[in-house]
Amino acid sequence: QVQLLESGGGLVQAGASLRLSCSASGRTFSGYPVTWYRRAPGKEREFVAVSTKSGQTYYTNSVKGRFTISRDDAQETVYLAMTSLNPEDTAMYSCNMAQSWGPGTQVTVSS
């Protein structure tokens, strides 16, 4: 069974950048899509970005041009590079692969 672990969150000011990591153990990323989701306080979880098993990427409209998802299958890690952060990006960010979830990493953006 795969275990996922996110890291890289933190408290930053608006306009800053962060890079989140999602690492896997127990199963290789290779051949699986990996998706980043986020849940803001009082809101439902929403899709952020996905890296398909072939390496194609898709983003929700609100992060296009600011966030970049990438994967390093050799390192069993998927990254979410986030730039130009704004308070609306404040949320718990979680990664998903093969129906498994990590515990999440908190991103808080102050104005």
PDB file of N, CA and C in Angstrom:
ATOM      1  N   GLN A   1       0.847  -1.184   0.000  1.00  0.00           N
ATOM      2  CA  GLN A   1       0.000   0.000   0.000  1.00  0.00           C
ATOM      3  C   GLN A   1       0.886   1.239   0.000  1.00  0.00           C
ATOM      4  N   VAL A   2       0.527   2.187  -0.845  1.00  0.00           N
ATOM      5  CA  VAL A   2       1.335   3.385  -0.958  1.00  0.00           C
ATOM      6  C   VAL A   2       1.073   4.322   0.216  1.00  0.00           C
ATOM      7  N   GLN A   3       2.131   4.979   0.664  1.00  0.00           N
ATOM      8  CA  GLN A   3       2.017   6.015   1.685  1.00  0.00           C
ATOM      9  C   GLN A   3       2.566   7.302   1.097  1.00  0.00           C
ATOM     10  N   LEU A   4       1.815   8.368   1.247  1.00  0.00           N
ATOM     11  CA  LEU A   4       2.200   9.664   0.717  1.00  0.00           C
ATOM     12  C   LEU A   4       2.493  10.631   1.852  1.00  0.00           C
ATOM     13  N   LEU A   5       3.456  11.503   1.630  1.00  0.00           N
ATOM     14  CA  LEU A   5       3.803  12.489   2.633  1.00  0.00           C
ATOM     15  C   LEU A   5       4.113  13.806   1.951  1.00  0.00           C
ATOM     16  N   GLU A   6       3.360  14.832   2.313  1.00  0.00           N
ATOM     17  CA  GLU A   6       3.574  16.160   1.767  1.00  0.00           C
ATOM     18  C   GLU A   6       4.491  16.970   2.683  1.00  0.00           C
ATOM     19  N   SER A   7       5.184  17.911   2.094  1.00  0.00           N
ATOM     20  CA  SER A   7       6.024  18.831   2.860  1.00  0.00           C
ATOM     21  C   SER A   7       6.213  20.109   2.066  1.00  0.00           C
ATOM     22  N   GLY A   8       6.736  21.135   2.744  1.00  0.00           N
ATOM     23  CA  GLY A   8       7.063  22.377   2.068  1.00  0.00           C
ATOM     24  C   GLY A   8       6.119  23.526   2.337  1.00  0.00           C
ATOM     25  N   GLY A   9       5.048  23.277   3.061  1.00  0.00           N
ATOM     26  CA  GLY A   9       4.117  24.354   3.379  1.00  0.00           C
ATOM     27  C   GLY A   9       4.713  25.328   4.372  1.00  0.00           C
ATOM     28  N   GLY A  10       3.976  26.403   4.621  1.00  0.00           N
ATOM     29  CA  GLY A  10       4.437  27.389   5.574  1.00  0.00           C
ATOM     30  C   GLY A  10       3.604  28.643   5.546  1.00  0.00           C
ATOM     31  N   LEU A  11       4.053  29.624   6.319  1.00  0.00           N
ATOM     32  CA  LEU A  11       3.406  30.937   6.382  1.00  0.00           C
ATOM     33  C   LEU A  11       4.244  31.912   5.580  1.00  0.00           C
ATOM     34  N   VAL A  12       3.646  32.493   4.557  1.00  0.00           N
ATOM     35  CA  VAL A  12       4.367  33.436   3.709  1.00  0.00           C
ATOM     36  C   VAL A  12       3.508  34.666   3.469  1.00  0.00           C
ATOM     37  N   GLN A  13       4.135  35.714   2.967  1.00  0.00           N
ATOM     38  CA  GLN A  13       3.400  36.924   2.608  1.00  0.00           C
ATOM     39  C   GLN A  13       2.918  36.839   1.163  1.00  0.00           C
ATOM     40  N   ALA A  14       1.916  37.595   0.863  1.00  0.00           N
ATOM     41  CA  ALA A  14       1.401  37.645  -0.502  1.00  0.00           C
ATOM     42  C   ALA A  14       2.524  37.991  -1.473  1.00  0.00           C
ATOM     43  N   GLY A  15       2.538  37.296  -2.588  1.00  0.00           N
ATOM     44  CA  GLY A  15       3.562  37.501  -3.588  1.00  0.00           C
ATOM     45  C   GLY A  15       4.729  36.545  -3.493  1.00  0.00           C
ATOM     46  N   ALA A  16       4.795  35.813  -2.397  1.00  0.00           N
ATOM     47  CA  ALA A  16       5.909  34.881  -2.184  1.00  0.00           C
ATOM     48  C   ALA A  16       5.701  33.594  -2.973  1.00  0.00           C
ATOM     49  N   SER A  17       6.710  32.746  -2.895  1.00  0.00           N
ATOM     50  CA  SER A  17       6.685  31.450  -3.568  1.00  0.00           C
ATOM     51  C   SER A  17       6.955  30.337  -2.574  1.00  0.00           C
ATOM     52  N   LEU A  18       6.425  29.175  -2.874  1.00  0.00           N
ATOM     53  CA  LEU A  18       6.697  27.971  -2.104  1.00  0.00           C
ATOM     54  C   LEU A  18       6.771  26.801  -3.076  1.00  0.00           C
ATOM     55  N   ARG A  19       7.480  25.761  -2.672  1.00  0.00           N
ATOM     56  CA  ARG A  19       7.464  24.523  -3.438  1.00  0.00           C
ATOM     57  C   ARG A  19       7.075  23.386  -2.504  1.00  0.00           C
ATOM     58  N   LEU A  20       5.961  22.773  -2.819  1.00  0.00           N
ATOM     59  CA  LEU A  20       5.486  21.624  -2.055  1.00  0.00           C
ATOM     60  C   LEU A  20       6.030  20.340  -2.672  1.00  0.00           C
ATOM     61  N   SER A  21       6.234  19.356  -1.813  1.00  0.00           N
ATOM     62  CA  SER A  21       6.687  18.048  -2.270  1.00  0.00           C
ATOM     63  C   SER A  21       5.725  16.979  -1.788  1.00  0.00           C
ATOM     64  N   CYS A  22       5.547  15.975  -2.598  1.00  0.00           N
ATOM     65  CA  CYS A  22       4.739  14.811  -2.247  1.00  0.00           C
ATOM     66  C   CYS A  22       5.607  13.589  -2.528  1.00  0.00           C
ATOM     67  N   SER A  23       5.996  12.908  -1.482  1.00  0.00           N
ATOM     68  CA  SER A  23       6.851  11.739  -1.652  1.00  0.00           C
ATOM     69  C   SER A  23       6.065  10.476  -1.362  1.00  0.00           C
ATOM     70  N   ALA A  24       6.448   9.404  -2.029  1.00  0.00           N
ATOM     71  CA  ALA A  24       5.716   8.148  -1.917  1.00  0.00           C
ATOM     72  C   ALA A  24       6.625   7.042  -1.414  1.00  0.00           C
ATOM     73  N   SER A  25       6.030   6.137  -0.678  1.00  0.00           N
ATOM     74  CA  SER A  25       6.723   4.916  -0.286  1.00  0.00           C
ATOM     75  C   SER A  25       5.749   3.761  -0.411  1.00  0.00           C
ATOM     76  N   GLY A  26       6.260   2.612  -0.715  1.00  0.00           N
ATOM     77  CA  GLY A  26       5.400   1.448  -0.826  1.00  0.00           C
ATOM     78  C   GLY A  26       4.929   1.160  -2.232  1.00  0.00           C
ATOM     79  N   ARG A  27       5.018   2.155  -3.098  1.00  0.00           N
ATOM     80  CA  ARG A  27       4.621   1.963  -4.490  1.00  0.00           C
ATOM     81  C   ARG A  27       5.248   3.074  -5.307  1.00  0.00           C
ATOM     82  N   THR A  28       5.669   2.734  -6.488  1.00  0.00           N
ATOM     83  CA  THR A  28       6.280   3.748  -7.340  1.00  0.00           C
ATOM     84  C   THR A  28       5.229   4.653  -7.942  1.00  0.00           C
ATOM     85  N   PHE A  29       5.606   5.916  -8.159  1.00  0.00           N
ATOM     86  CA  PHE A  29       4.728   6.858  -8.834  1.00  0.00           C
ATOM     87  C   PHE A  29       4.531   6.482 -10.296  1.00  0.00           C
ATOM     88  N   SER A  30       5.531   5.818 -10.840  1.00  0.00           N
ATOM     89  CA  SER A  30       5.533   5.555 -12.272  1.00  0.00           C
ATOM     90  C   SER A  30       4.260   4.825 -12.695  1.00  0.00           C
ATOM     91  N   GLY A  31       3.601   5.364 -13.711  1.00  0.00           N
ATOM     92  CA  GLY A  31       2.402   4.733 -14.222  1.00  0.00           C
ATOM     93  C   GLY A  31       1.120   5.198 -13.565  1.00  0.00           C
ATOM     94  N   TYR A  32       1.222   6.147 -12.639  1.00  0.00           N
ATOM     95  CA  TYR A  32       0.032   6.654 -11.965  1.00  0.00           C
ATOM     96  C   TYR A  32      -0.071   8.172 -12.130  1.00  0.00           C
ATOM     97  N   PRO A  33      -1.268   8.678 -12.289  1.00  0.00           N
ATOM     98  CA  PRO A  33      -1.433  10.128 -12.180  1.00  0.00           C
ATOM     99  C   PRO A  33      -1.309  10.534 -10.713  1.00  0.00           C
ATOM    100  N   VAL A  34      -0.780  11.711 -10.492  1.00  0.00           N
ATOM    101  CA  VAL A  34      -0.667  12.250  -9.135  1.00  0.00           C
ATOM    102  C   VAL A  34      -1.324  13.625  -9.133  1.00  0.00           C
ATOM    103  N   THR A  35      -2.187  13.832  -8.176  1.00  0.00           N
ATOM    104  CA  THR A  35      -3.015  15.036  -8.143  1.00  0.00           C
ATOM    105  C   THR A  35      -2.807  15.796  -6.840  1.00  0.00           C
ATOM    106  N   TRP A  36      -2.750  17.091  -6.954  1.00  0.00           N
ATOM    107  CA  TRP A  36      -2.745  17.987  -5.788  1.00  0.00           C
ATOM    108  C   TRP A  36      -4.155  18.550  -5.620  1.00  0.00           C
ATOM    109  N   TYR A  37      -4.607  18.527  -4.374  1.00  0.00           N
ATOM    110  CA  TYR A  37      -5.871  19.139  -3.991  1.00  0.00           C
ATOM    111  C   TYR A  37      -5.586  20.114  -2.850  1.00  0.00           C
ATOM    112  N   ARG A  38      -6.559  20.956  -2.582  1.00  0.00           N
ATOM    113  CA  ARG A  38      -6.456  21.831  -1.421  1.00  0.00           C
ATOM    114  C   ARG A  38      -7.835  22.031  -0.809  1.00  0.00           C
ATOM    115  N   ARG A  39      -7.816  22.299   0.473  1.00  0.00           N
ATOM    116  CA  ARG A  39      -9.062  22.585   1.188  1.00  0.00           C
ATOM    117  C   ARG A  39      -8.831  23.817   2.042  1.00  0.00           C
ATOM    118  N   ALA A  40      -9.553  24.869   1.717  1.00  0.00           N
ATOM    119  CA  ALA A  40      -9.489  26.099   2.492  1.00  0.00           C
ATOM    120  C   ALA A  40     -10.461  25.995   3.654  1.00  0.00           C
ATOM    121  N   PRO A  41     -10.232  26.765   4.700  1.00  0.00           N
ATOM    122  CA  PRO A  41     -11.133  26.727   5.859  1.00  0.00           C
ATOM    123  C   PRO A  41     -12.573  27.001   5.455  1.00  0.00           C
ATOM    124  N   GLY A  42     -13.472  26.136   5.863  1.00  0.00           N
ATOM    125  CA  GLY A  42     -14.884  26.327   5.581  1.00  0.00           C
ATOM    126  C   GLY A  42     -15.306  26.008   4.170  1.00  0.00           C
ATOM    127  N   LYS A  43     -14.396  25.479   3.358  1.00  0.00           N
ATOM    128  CA  LYS A  43     -14.714  25.166   1.963  1.00  0.00           C
ATOM    129  C   LYS A  43     -14.468  23.698   1.679  1.00  0.00           C
ATOM    130  N   GLU A  44     -15.031  23.248   0.570  1.00  0.00           N
ATOM    131  CA  GLU A  44     -14.803  21.872   0.165  1.00  0.00           C
ATOM    132  C   GLU A  44     -13.429  21.735  -0.498  1.00  0.00           C
ATOM    133  N   ARG A  45     -12.940  20.506  -0.498  1.00  0.00           N
ATOM    134  CA  ARG A  45     -11.676  20.243  -1.169  1.00  0.00           C
ATOM    135  C   ARG A  45     -11.815  20.499  -2.662  1.00  0.00           C
ATOM    136  N   GLU A  46     -10.795  21.106  -3.240  1.00  0.00           N
ATOM    137  CA  GLU A  46     -10.844  21.402  -4.663  1.00  0.00           C
ATOM    138  C   GLU A  46      -9.588  20.901  -5.358  1.00  0.00           C
ATOM    139  N   PHE A  47      -9.762  20.550  -6.603  1.00  0.00           N
ATOM    140  CA  PHE A  47      -8.662  20.137  -7.457  1.00  0.00           C
ATOM    141  C   PHE A  47      -7.746  21.319  -7.728  1.00  0.00           C
ATOM    142  N   VAL A  48      -6.439  21.075  -7.678  1.00  0.00           N
ATOM    143  CA  VAL A  48      -5.461  22.121  -7.980  1.00  0.00           C
ATOM    144  C   VAL A  48      -4.706  21.799  -9.274  1.00  0.00           C
ATOM    145  N   ALA A  49      -4.092  20.625  -9.322  1.00  0.00           N
ATOM    146  CA  ALA A  49      -3.273  20.278 -10.482  1.00  0.00           C
ATOM    147  C   ALA A  49      -3.073  18.770 -10.524  1.00  0.00           C
ATOM    148  N   VAL A  50      -2.826  18.264 -11.721  1.00  0.00           N
ATOM    149  CA  VAL A  50      -2.561  16.841 -11.893  1.00  0.00           C
ATOM    150  C   VAL A  50      -1.415  16.644 -12.870  1.00  0.00           C
ATOM    151  N   SER A  51      -0.599  15.659 -12.586  1.00  0.00           N
ATOM    152  CA  SER A  51       0.413  15.179 -13.516  1.00  0.00           C
ATOM    153  C   SER A  51       0.003  13.772 -13.908  1.00  0.00           C
ATOM    154  N   THR A  52      -0.329  13.601 -15.172  1.00  0.00           N
ATOM    155  CA  THR A  52      -0.784  12.285 -15.609  1.00  0.00           C
ATOM    156  C   THR A  52       0.396  11.320 -15.694  1.00  0.00           C
ATOM    157  N   LYS A  53       0.085  10.053 -15.886  1.00  0.00           N
ATOM    158  CA  LYS A  53       1.145   9.052 -15.943  1.00  0.00           C
ATOM    159  C   LYS A  53       2.058   9.270 -17.134  1.00  0.00           C
ATOM    160  N   SER A  54       1.583   9.987 -18.143  1.00  0.00           N
ATOM    161  CA  SER A  54       2.415  10.289 -19.301  1.00  0.00           C
ATOM    162  C   SER A  54       3.113  11.631 -19.168  1.00  0.00           C
ATOM    163  N   GLY A  55       2.854  12.332 -18.051  1.00  0.00           N
ATOM    164  CA  GLY A  55       3.541  13.594 -17.817  1.00  0.00           C
ATOM    165  C   GLY A  55       2.774  14.828 -18.243  1.00  0.00           C
ATOM    166  N   GLN A  56       1.568  14.647 -18.762  1.00  0.00           N
ATOM    167  CA  GLN A  56       0.757  15.826 -19.090  1.00  0.00           C
ATOM    168  C   GLN A  56       0.280  16.473 -17.798  1.00  0.00           C
ATOM    169  N   THR A  57       0.072  17.775 -17.869  1.00  0.00           N
ATOM    170  CA  THR A  57      -0.324  18.510 -16.673  1.00  0.00           C
ATOM    171  C   THR A  57      -1.577  19.328 -16.941  1.00  0.00           C
ATOM    172  N   TYR A  58      -2.391  19.442 -15.918  1.00  0.00           N
ATOM    173  CA  TYR A  58      -3.626  20.219 -15.985  1.00  0.00           C
ATOM    174  C   TYR A  58      -3.792  20.964 -14.670  1.00  0.00           C
ATOM    175  N   TYR A  59      -4.400  22.158 -14.756  1.00  0.00           N
ATOM    176  CA  TYR A  59      -4.521  23.015 -13.592  1.00  0.00           C
ATOM    177  C   TYR A  59      -5.935  23.582 -13.488  1.00  0.00           C
ATOM    178  N   THR A  60      -6.323  23.880 -12.275  1.00  0.00           N
ATOM    179  CA  THR A  60      -7.539  24.653 -12.115  1.00  0.00           C
ATOM    180  C   THR A  60      -7.253  26.078 -12.562  1.00  0.00           C
ATOM    181  N   ASN A  61      -8.279  26.761 -13.028  1.00  0.00           N
ATOM    182  CA  ASN A  61      -8.074  28.074 -13.649  1.00  0.00           C
ATOM    183  C   ASN A  61      -7.396  29.079 -12.722  1.00  0.00           C
ATOM    184  N   SER A  62      -7.721  29.018 -11.438  1.00  0.00           N
ATOM    185  CA  SER A  62      -7.226  30.044 -10.522  1.00  0.00           C
ATOM    186  C   SER A  62      -5.710  29.971 -10.290  1.00  0.00           C
ATOM    187  N   VAL A  63      -5.074  28.870 -10.668  1.00  0.00           N
ATOM    188  CA  VAL A  63      -3.625  28.748 -10.433  1.00  0.00           C
ATOM    189  C   VAL A  63      -2.838  28.687 -11.734  1.00  0.00           C
ATOM    190  N   LYS A  64      -3.508  28.672 -12.859  1.00  0.00           N
ATOM    191  CA  LYS A  64      -2.800  28.623 -14.144  1.00  0.00           C
ATOM    192  C   LYS A  64      -1.857  29.799 -14.269  1.00  0.00           C
ATOM    193  N   GLY A  65      -0.646  29.513 -14.690  1.00  0.00           N
ATOM    194  CA  GLY A  65       0.363  30.544 -14.853  1.00  0.00           C
ATOM    195  C   GLY A  65       1.121  30.863 -13.573  1.00  0.00           C
ATOM    196  N   ARG A  66       0.646  30.352 -12.434  1.00  0.00           N
ATOM    197  CA  ARG A  66       1.320  30.611 -11.162  1.00  0.00           C
ATOM    198  C   ARG A  66       1.883  29.331 -10.538  1.00  0.00           C
ATOM    199  N   PHE A  67       1.185  28.232 -10.718  1.00  0.00           N
ATOM    200  CA  PHE A  67       1.600  26.951 -10.131  1.00  0.00           C
ATOM    201  C   PHE A  67       2.119  26.032 -11.237  1.00  0.00           C
ATOM    202  N   THR A  68       3.100  25.234 -10.878  1.00  0.00           N
ATOM    203  CA  THR A  68       3.637  24.245 -11.802  1.00  0.00           C
ATOM    204  C   THR A  68       3.795  22.911 -11.086  1.00  0.00           C
ATOM    205  N   ILE A  69       3.186  21.885 -11.647  1.00  0.00           N
ATOM    206  CA  ILE A  69       3.334  20.540 -11.107  1.00  0.00           C
ATOM    207  C   ILE A  69       4.381  19.804 -11.925  1.00  0.00           C
ATOM    208  N   SER A  70       5.236  19.078 -11.244  1.00  0.00           N
ATOM    209  CA  SER A  70       6.252  18.293 -11.932  1.00  0.00           C
ATOM    210  C   SER A  70       6.495  17.016 -11.137  1.00  0.00           C
ATOM    211  N   ARG A  71       7.056  16.046 -11.816  1.00  0.00           N
ATOM    212  CA  ARG A  71       7.278  14.775 -11.144  1.00  0.00           C
ATOM    213  C   ARG A  71       8.666  14.247 -11.430  1.00  0.00           C
ATOM    214  N   ASP A  72       9.218  13.594 -10.443  1.00  0.00           N
ATOM    215  CA  ASP A  72      10.502  12.920 -10.582  1.00  0.00           C
ATOM    216  C   ASP A  72      10.266  11.480 -10.135  1.00  0.00           C
ATOM    217  N   ASP A  73       9.938  10.642 -11.085  1.00  0.00           N
ATOM    218  CA  ASP A  73       9.601   9.269 -10.740  1.00  0.00           C
ATOM    219  C   ASP A  73      10.788   8.533 -10.115  1.00  0.00           C
ATOM    220  N   ALA A  74      11.988   8.887 -10.515  1.00  0.00           N
ATOM    221  CA  ALA A  74      13.168   8.233  -9.946  1.00  0.00           C
ATOM    222  C   ALA A  74      13.288   8.532  -8.454  1.00  0.00           C
ATOM    223  N   GLN A  75      12.891   9.741  -8.068  1.00  0.00           N
ATOM    224  CA  GLN A  75      12.935  10.147  -6.660  1.00  0.00           C
ATOM    225  C   GLN A  75      11.616   9.888  -5.948  1.00  0.00           C
ATOM    226  N   GLU A  76      10.652   9.338  -6.684  1.00  0.00           N
ATOM    227  CA  GLU A  76       9.323   9.079  -6.104  1.00  0.00           C
ATOM    228  C   GLU A  76       8.743  10.336  -5.464  1.00  0.00           C
ATOM    229  N   THR A  77       8.874  11.451  -6.160  1.00  0.00           N
ATOM    230  CA  THR A  77       8.408  12.730  -5.630  1.00  0.00           C
ATOM    231  C   THR A  77       7.698  13.522  -6.715  1.00  0.00           C
ATOM    232  N   VAL A  78       6.618  14.152  -6.326  1.00  0.00           N
ATOM    233  CA  VAL A  78       5.908  15.093  -7.192  1.00  0.00           C
ATOM    234  C   VAL A  78       5.941  16.449  -6.507  1.00  0.00           C
ATOM    235  N   TYR A  79       6.196  17.481  -7.281  1.00  0.00           N
ATOM    236  CA  TYR A  79       6.336  18.827  -6.740  1.00  0.00           C
ATOM    237  C   TYR A  79       5.198  19.720  -7.208  1.00  0.00           C
ATOM    238  N   LEU A  80       4.912  20.718  -6.389  1.00  0.00           N
ATOM    239  CA  LEU A  80       3.989  21.777  -6.793  1.00  0.00           C
ATOM    240  C   LEU A  80       4.687  23.088  -6.476  1.00  0.00           C
ATOM    241  N   ALA A  81       5.206  23.718  -7.513  1.00  0.00           N
ATOM    242  CA  ALA A  81       5.856  25.009  -7.364  1.00  0.00           C
ATOM    243  C   ALA A  81       4.797  26.094  -7.457  1.00  0.00           C
ATOM    244  N   MET A  82       4.735  26.928  -6.452  1.00  0.00           N
ATOM    245  CA  MET A  82       3.694  27.949  -6.367  1.00  0.00           C
ATOM    246  C   MET A  82       4.348  29.325  -6.314  1.00  0.00           C
ATOM    247  N   THR A  83       3.953  30.201  -7.194  1.00  0.00           N
ATOM    248  CA  THR A  83       4.471  31.562  -7.215  1.00  0.00           C
ATOM    249  C   THR A  83       3.318  32.553  -7.105  1.00  0.00           C
ATOM    250  N   SER A  84       3.666  33.790  -6.848  1.00  0.00           N
ATOM    251  CA  SER A  84       2.666  34.859  -6.737  1.00  0.00           C
ATOM    252  C   SER A  84       1.506  34.449  -5.840  1.00  0.00           C
ATOM    253  N   LEU A  85       1.833  33.896  -4.703  1.00  0.00           N
ATOM    254  CA  LEU A  85       0.802  33.432  -3.786  1.00  0.00           C
ATOM    255  C   LEU A  85      -0.035  34.589  -3.275  1.00  0.00           C
ATOM    256  N   ASN A  86      -1.309  34.321  -3.083  1.00  0.00           N
ATOM    257  CA  ASN A  86      -2.210  35.325  -2.520  1.00  0.00           C
ATOM    258  C   ASN A  86      -3.029  34.677  -1.406  1.00  0.00           C
ATOM    259  N   PRO A  87      -3.688  35.480  -0.593  1.00  0.00           N
ATOM    260  CA  PRO A  87      -4.415  34.913   0.557  1.00  0.00           C
ATOM    261  C   PRO A  87      -5.445  33.857   0.161  1.00  0.00           C
ATOM    262  N   GLU A  88      -5.968  33.933  -1.049  1.00  0.00           N
ATOM    263  CA  GLU A  88      -6.944  32.939  -1.503  1.00  0.00           C
ATOM    264  C   GLU A  88      -6.317  31.561  -1.713  1.00  0.00           C
ATOM    265  N   ASP A  89      -5.007  31.496  -1.703  1.00  0.00           N
ATOM    266  CA  ASP A  89      -4.322  30.201  -1.818  1.00  0.00           C
ATOM    267  C   ASP A  89      -4.149  29.520  -0.467  1.00  0.00           C
ATOM    268  N   THR A  90      -4.526  30.202   0.594  1.00  0.00           N
ATOM    269  CA  THR A  90      -4.412  29.609   1.926  1.00  0.00           C
ATOM    270  C   THR A  90      -5.284  28.369   2.025  1.00  0.00           C
ATOM    271  N   ALA A  91      -4.676  27.246   2.374  1.00  0.00           N
ATOM    272  CA  ALA A  91      -5.395  25.974   2.431  1.00  0.00           C
ATOM    273  C   ALA A  91      -4.458  24.880   2.914  1.00  0.00           C
ATOM    274  N   MET A  92      -5.063  23.737   3.201  1.00  0.00           N
ATOM    275  CA  MET A  92      -4.291  22.516   3.427  1.00  0.00           C
ATOM    276  C   MET A  92      -4.151  21.840   2.064  1.00  0.00           C
ATOM    277  N   TYR A  93      -2.927  21.599   1.674  1.00  0.00           N
ATOM    278  CA  TYR A  93      -2.650  20.994   0.378  1.00  0.00           C
ATOM    279  C   TYR A  93      -2.314  19.519   0.573  1.00  0.00           C
ATOM    280  N   SER A  94      -2.975  18.678  -0.223  1.00  0.00           N
ATOM    281  CA  SER A  94      -2.770  17.233  -0.117  1.00  0.00           C
ATOM    282  C   SER A  94      -2.547  16.641  -1.493  1.00  0.00           C
ATOM    283  N   CYS A  95      -1.787  15.566  -1.531  1.00  0.00           N
ATOM    284  CA  CYS A  95      -1.600  14.875  -2.804  1.00  0.00           C
ATOM    285  C   CYS A  95      -2.331  13.534  -2.755  1.00  0.00           C
ATOM    286  N   ASN A  96      -2.668  13.078  -3.934  1.00  0.00           N
ATOM    287  CA  ASN A  96      -3.435  11.852  -4.080  1.00  0.00           C
ATOM    288  C   ASN A  96      -2.850  11.012  -5.194  1.00  0.00           C
ATOM    289  N   MET A  97      -2.700   9.726  -4.938  1.00  0.00           N
ATOM    290  CA  MET A  97      -2.265   8.784  -5.945  1.00  0.00           C
ATOM    291  C   MET A  97      -2.861   7.426  -5.624  1.00  0.00           C
ATOM    292  N   ALA A  98      -3.409   6.788  -6.618  1.00  0.00           N
ATOM    293  CA  ALA A  98      -3.951   5.432  -6.451  1.00  0.00           C
ATOM    294  C   ALA A  98      -4.887   5.350  -5.250  1.00  0.00           C
ATOM    295  N   GLN A  99      -5.730   6.348  -5.121  1.00  0.00           N
ATOM    296  CA  GLN A  99      -6.739   6.417  -4.063  1.00  0.00           C
ATOM    297  C   GLN A  99      -6.147   6.561  -2.670  1.00  0.00           C
ATOM    298  N   SER A 100      -4.879   6.879  -2.573  1.00  0.00           N
ATOM    299  CA  SER A 100      -4.252   7.139  -1.285  1.00  0.00           C
ATOM    300  C   SER A 100      -4.000   8.631  -1.107  1.00  0.00           C
ATOM    301  N   TRP A 101      -4.082   9.064   0.150  1.00  0.00           N
ATOM    302  CA  TRP A 101      -3.896  10.475   0.475  1.00  0.00           C
ATOM    303  C   TRP A 101      -2.782  10.624   1.494  1.00  0.00           C
ATOM    304  N   GLY A 102      -2.069  11.745   1.379  1.00  0.00           N
ATOM    305  CA  GLY A 102      -1.149  12.105   2.439  1.00  0.00           C
ATOM    306  C   GLY A 102      -1.875  12.929   3.481  1.00  0.00           C
ATOM    307  N   PRO A 103      -1.209  13.241   4.596  1.00  0.00           N
ATOM    308  CA  PRO A 103      -1.842  14.016   5.664  1.00  0.00           C
ATOM    309  C   PRO A 103      -2.007  15.487   5.328  1.00  0.00           C
ATOM    310  N   GLY A 104      -1.244  15.970   4.344  1.00  0.00           N
ATOM    311  CA  GLY A 104      -1.364  17.361   3.935  1.00  0.00           C
ATOM    312  C   GLY A 104      -0.284  18.247   4.523  1.00  0.00           C
ATOM    313  N   THR A 105      -0.119  19.401   3.898  1.00  0.00           N
ATOM    314  CA  THR A 105       0.797  20.424   4.387  1.00  0.00           C
ATOM    315  C   THR A 105       0.096  21.771   4.282  1.00  0.00           C
ATOM    316  N   GLN A 106       0.171  22.551   5.341  1.00  0.00           N
ATOM    317  CA  GLN A 106      -0.582  23.798   5.419  1.00  0.00           C
ATOM    318  C   GLN A 106       0.172  24.933   4.731  1.00  0.00           C
ATOM    319  N   VAL A 107      -0.547  25.648   3.913  1.00  0.00           N
ATOM    320  CA  VAL A 107      -0.031  26.864   3.286  1.00  0.00           C
ATOM    321  C   VAL A 107      -0.889  28.026   3.752  1.00  0.00           C
ATOM    322  N   THR A 108      -0.260  29.014   4.322  1.00  0.00           N
ATOM    323  CA  THR A 108      -0.958  30.200   4.789  1.00  0.00           C
ATOM    324  C   THR A 108      -0.298  31.430   4.183  1.00  0.00           C
ATOM    325  N   VAL A 109      -1.092  32.227   3.501  1.00  0.00           N
ATOM    326  CA  VAL A 109      -0.582  33.413   2.830  1.00  0.00           C
ATOM    327  C   VAL A 109      -1.212  34.632   3.475  1.00  0.00           C
ATOM    328  N   SER A 110      -0.376  35.488   4.016  1.00  0.00           N
ATOM    329  CA  SER A 110      -0.866  36.701   4.658  1.00  0.00           C
ATOM    330  C   SER A 110      -0.846  37.862   3.680  1.00  0.00           C
ATOM    331  N   SER A 111      -1.768  38.776   3.878  1.00  0.00           N
ATOM    332  CA  SER A 111      -1.875  39.932   2.965  1.00  0.00           C
ATOM    333  C   SER A 111      -0.977  41.073   3.410  1.00  0.00           C
TER     334      SER A 111
END
